[in-house]
């Protein structure tokens, strides 16, 4: 049987820290997928432009489209 006592204690500690900092978590505990996409896309775009990965993204996307088109 797995020992889950440590994980439960860590989870409880995290909830206390969140509450102490004035934050609150939604009751469901999950975020809508569109909200998650809206949060990550600007950062992904910025990193792609800054590190010159935009060409690699375009190349990979065109490869995927080519494979799907077969």
N, C-alpha and C. Protein backbone atom coordinates (compact mmCIF):
# COMPACT_ATOMS: atom_id res chain seq x y z
N UNK A 1 0.84 -1.18 0.00
CA UNK A 1 0.00 0.00 0.00
C UNK A 1 0.89 1.24 0.00
N UNK A 2 0.52 2.21 -0.77
CA UNK A 2 1.32 3.43 -0.89
C UNK A 2 1.13 4.31 0.34
N UNK A 3 2.21 4.97 0.72
CA UNK A 3 2.16 5.89 1.85
C UNK A 3 1.78 7.27 1.34
N UNK A 4 0.55 7.70 1.63
CA UNK A 4 0.07 8.99 1.14
C UNK A 4 0.07 10.06 2.22
N UNK A 5 0.55 9.74 3.40
CA UNK A 5 0.53 10.70 4.50
C UNK A 5 1.38 11.93 4.16
N UNK A 6 2.54 11.72 3.56
CA UNK A 6 3.42 12.84 3.23
C UNK A 6 2.80 13.77 2.21
N UNK A 7 2.17 13.20 1.19
CA UNK A 7 1.54 14.03 0.16
C UNK A 7 0.38 14.82 0.74
N UNK A 8 -0.39 14.21 1.61
CA UNK A 8 -1.53 14.89 2.20
C UNK A 8 -1.05 16.06 3.05
N UNK A 9 0.03 15.85 3.80
CA UNK A 9 0.56 16.92 4.64
C UNK A 9 1.08 18.06 3.77
N UNK A 10 1.76 17.75 2.68
CA UNK A 10 2.26 18.80 1.79
C UNK A 10 1.12 19.57 1.15
N UNK A 11 0.08 18.86 0.77
CA UNK A 11 -1.07 19.52 0.15
C UNK A 11 -1.74 20.46 1.15
N UNK A 12 -1.89 20.01 2.39
CA UNK A 12 -2.50 20.85 3.42
C UNK A 12 -1.64 22.07 3.69
N UNK A 13 -0.32 21.91 3.70
CA UNK A 13 0.59 23.02 3.91
C UNK A 13 0.46 24.04 2.79
N UNK A 14 0.30 23.56 1.56
CA UNK A 14 0.13 24.46 0.42
C UNK A 14 -1.16 25.25 0.51
N UNK A 15 -2.23 24.62 0.97
CA UNK A 15 -3.50 25.32 1.13
C UNK A 15 -3.37 26.39 2.20
N UNK A 16 -2.66 26.08 3.29
CA UNK A 16 -2.48 27.09 4.35
C UNK A 16 -1.67 28.26 3.83
N UNK A 17 -0.64 27.99 3.04
CA UNK A 17 0.19 29.07 2.50
C UNK A 17 -0.62 29.94 1.54
N UNK A 18 -1.45 29.32 0.73
CA UNK A 18 -2.28 30.08 -0.20
C UNK A 18 -3.25 30.97 0.57
N UNK A 19 -3.86 30.44 1.60
CA UNK A 19 -4.80 31.22 2.39
C UNK A 19 -4.08 32.34 3.16
N UNK A 20 -2.86 32.09 3.61
CA UNK A 20 -2.12 33.10 4.36
C UNK A 20 -1.72 34.27 3.47
N UNK A 21 -1.49 34.00 2.20
CA UNK A 21 -1.10 35.05 1.27
C UNK A 21 -2.30 35.80 0.70
N UNK A 22 -3.47 35.44 1.13
CA UNK A 22 -4.67 36.14 0.69
C UNK A 22 -5.26 35.59 -0.59
N UNK A 23 -4.70 34.55 -1.10
CA UNK A 23 -5.22 33.95 -2.33
C UNK A 23 -6.35 32.98 -2.02
N UNK A 24 -7.09 32.68 -3.04
CA UNK A 24 -8.14 31.68 -2.87
C UNK A 24 -8.15 30.79 -4.09
N UNK A 25 -8.50 29.55 -3.88
CA UNK A 25 -8.58 28.59 -4.97
C UNK A 25 -10.05 28.33 -5.24
N UNK A 26 -10.39 28.14 -6.50
CA UNK A 26 -11.78 27.81 -6.81
C UNK A 26 -12.13 26.45 -6.21
N UNK A 27 -13.39 26.29 -5.94
CA UNK A 27 -13.86 25.06 -5.31
C UNK A 27 -13.58 23.85 -6.20
N UNK A 28 -13.77 23.99 -7.50
CA UNK A 28 -13.54 22.87 -8.41
C UNK A 28 -12.08 22.49 -8.54
N UNK A 29 -11.19 23.46 -8.37
CA UNK A 29 -9.77 23.18 -8.42
C UNK A 29 -9.19 23.12 -9.82
N UNK A 30 -10.01 23.28 -10.86
CA UNK A 30 -9.48 23.23 -12.21
C UNK A 30 -9.78 24.55 -12.91
N UNK A 31 -8.98 24.82 -13.91
CA UNK A 31 -9.13 26.05 -14.67
C UNK A 31 -9.69 25.69 -16.04
N UNK A 32 -10.52 26.55 -16.59
CA UNK A 32 -11.09 26.29 -17.91
C UNK A 32 -9.95 26.25 -18.94
N UNK A 33 -10.00 25.33 -19.87
CA UNK A 33 -8.91 25.20 -20.85
C UNK A 33 -8.64 26.47 -21.65
N UNK A 34 -9.68 27.23 -21.98
CA UNK A 34 -9.46 28.47 -22.74
C UNK A 34 -8.72 29.51 -21.92
N UNK A 35 -8.96 29.54 -20.62
CA UNK A 35 -8.24 30.45 -19.74
C UNK A 35 -6.77 30.05 -19.68
N UNK A 36 -6.52 28.76 -19.60
CA UNK A 36 -5.13 28.27 -19.57
C UNK A 36 -4.41 28.62 -20.87
N UNK A 37 -5.09 28.48 -22.00
CA UNK A 37 -4.49 28.81 -23.29
C UNK A 37 -4.21 30.31 -23.36
N UNK A 38 -5.16 31.12 -22.89
CA UNK A 38 -4.98 32.57 -22.91
C UNK A 38 -3.81 33.00 -22.03
N UNK A 39 -3.53 32.23 -20.99
CA UNK A 39 -2.41 32.56 -20.11
C UNK A 39 -1.07 32.16 -20.72
N UNK A 40 -1.02 31.06 -21.43
CA UNK A 40 0.26 30.53 -21.89
C UNK A 40 0.66 31.04 -23.28
N UNK A 41 -0.28 31.40 -24.12
CA UNK A 41 0.06 31.82 -25.48
C UNK A 41 0.95 33.06 -25.55
N UNK A 42 0.68 34.12 -24.80
CA UNK A 42 1.59 35.28 -24.89
C UNK A 42 3.03 34.94 -24.50
N UNK A 43 3.20 34.14 -23.48
CA UNK A 43 4.55 33.75 -23.07
C UNK A 43 5.21 32.86 -24.12
N UNK A 44 4.46 31.94 -24.68
CA UNK A 44 5.02 31.06 -25.71
C UNK A 44 5.43 31.88 -26.93
N UNK A 45 4.61 32.84 -27.32
CA UNK A 45 4.94 33.70 -28.46
C UNK A 45 6.20 34.51 -28.18
N UNK A 46 6.27 35.08 -26.98
CA UNK A 46 7.44 35.88 -26.61
C UNK A 46 8.72 35.04 -26.64
N UNK A 47 8.66 33.84 -26.07
CA UNK A 47 9.84 32.98 -26.07
C UNK A 47 10.24 32.56 -27.47
N UNK A 48 9.26 32.29 -28.32
CA UNK A 48 9.57 31.89 -29.69
C UNK A 48 10.25 33.03 -30.44
N UNK A 49 9.80 34.26 -30.23
CA UNK A 49 10.40 35.40 -30.93
C UNK A 49 11.78 35.72 -30.36
N UNK A 50 11.90 35.71 -29.03
CA UNK A 50 13.18 36.08 -28.40
C UNK A 50 14.28 35.09 -28.74
N UNK A 51 13.97 33.81 -28.70
CA UNK A 51 14.99 32.79 -28.91
C UNK A 51 15.07 32.31 -30.36
N UNK A 52 14.37 32.97 -31.26
CA UNK A 52 14.47 32.64 -32.67
C UNK A 52 13.87 31.31 -33.05
N UNK A 53 12.90 30.85 -32.31
CA UNK A 53 12.30 29.56 -32.59
C UNK A 53 11.09 29.64 -33.50
N UNK A 54 10.78 30.82 -33.98
CA UNK A 54 9.58 30.99 -34.79
C UNK A 54 9.65 30.17 -36.07
N UNK A 55 10.83 30.13 -36.69
CA UNK A 55 10.99 29.35 -37.92
C UNK A 55 10.79 27.86 -37.65
N UNK A 56 11.27 27.40 -36.51
CA UNK A 56 11.11 25.99 -36.15
C UNK A 56 9.64 25.65 -35.94
N UNK A 57 8.90 26.57 -35.33
CA UNK A 57 7.47 26.33 -35.10
C UNK A 57 6.74 26.25 -36.44
N UNK A 58 7.06 27.16 -37.34
CA UNK A 58 6.42 27.16 -38.66
C UNK A 58 6.77 25.89 -39.43
N UNK A 59 8.02 25.47 -39.35
CA UNK A 59 8.46 24.25 -40.05
C UNK A 59 7.73 23.03 -39.51
N UNK A 60 7.64 22.93 -38.19
CA UNK A 60 6.95 21.78 -37.60
C UNK A 60 5.47 21.79 -37.96
N UNK A 61 4.85 22.97 -37.91
CA UNK A 61 3.42 23.06 -38.24
C UNK A 61 3.17 22.67 -39.68
N UNK A 62 4.04 23.11 -40.59
CA UNK A 62 3.84 22.74 -41.98
C UNK A 62 4.06 21.24 -42.20
N UNK A 63 4.97 20.65 -41.45
CA UNK A 63 5.19 19.21 -41.54
C UNK A 63 3.96 18.44 -41.08
N UNK A 64 3.36 18.90 -39.99
CA UNK A 64 2.16 18.23 -39.48
C UNK A 64 1.02 18.36 -40.48
N UNK A 65 0.88 19.55 -41.05
CA UNK A 65 -0.19 19.75 -42.05
C UNK A 65 0.06 18.84 -43.26
N UNK A 66 1.31 18.72 -43.66
CA UNK A 66 1.62 17.84 -44.79
C UNK A 66 1.29 16.39 -44.51
N UNK A 67 1.58 15.94 -43.27
CA UNK A 67 1.27 14.55 -42.91
C UNK A 67 -0.23 14.32 -42.81
N UNK A 68 -0.96 15.30 -42.33
CA UNK A 68 -2.40 15.14 -42.21
C UNK A 68 -3.09 15.18 -43.57
N UNK A 69 -2.46 15.87 -44.52
CA UNK A 69 -3.04 16.00 -45.84
C UNK A 69 -2.93 14.75 -46.69
N UNK A 70 -2.08 13.82 -46.30
CA UNK A 70 -1.91 12.60 -47.10
C UNK A 70 -3.10 11.72 -47.11
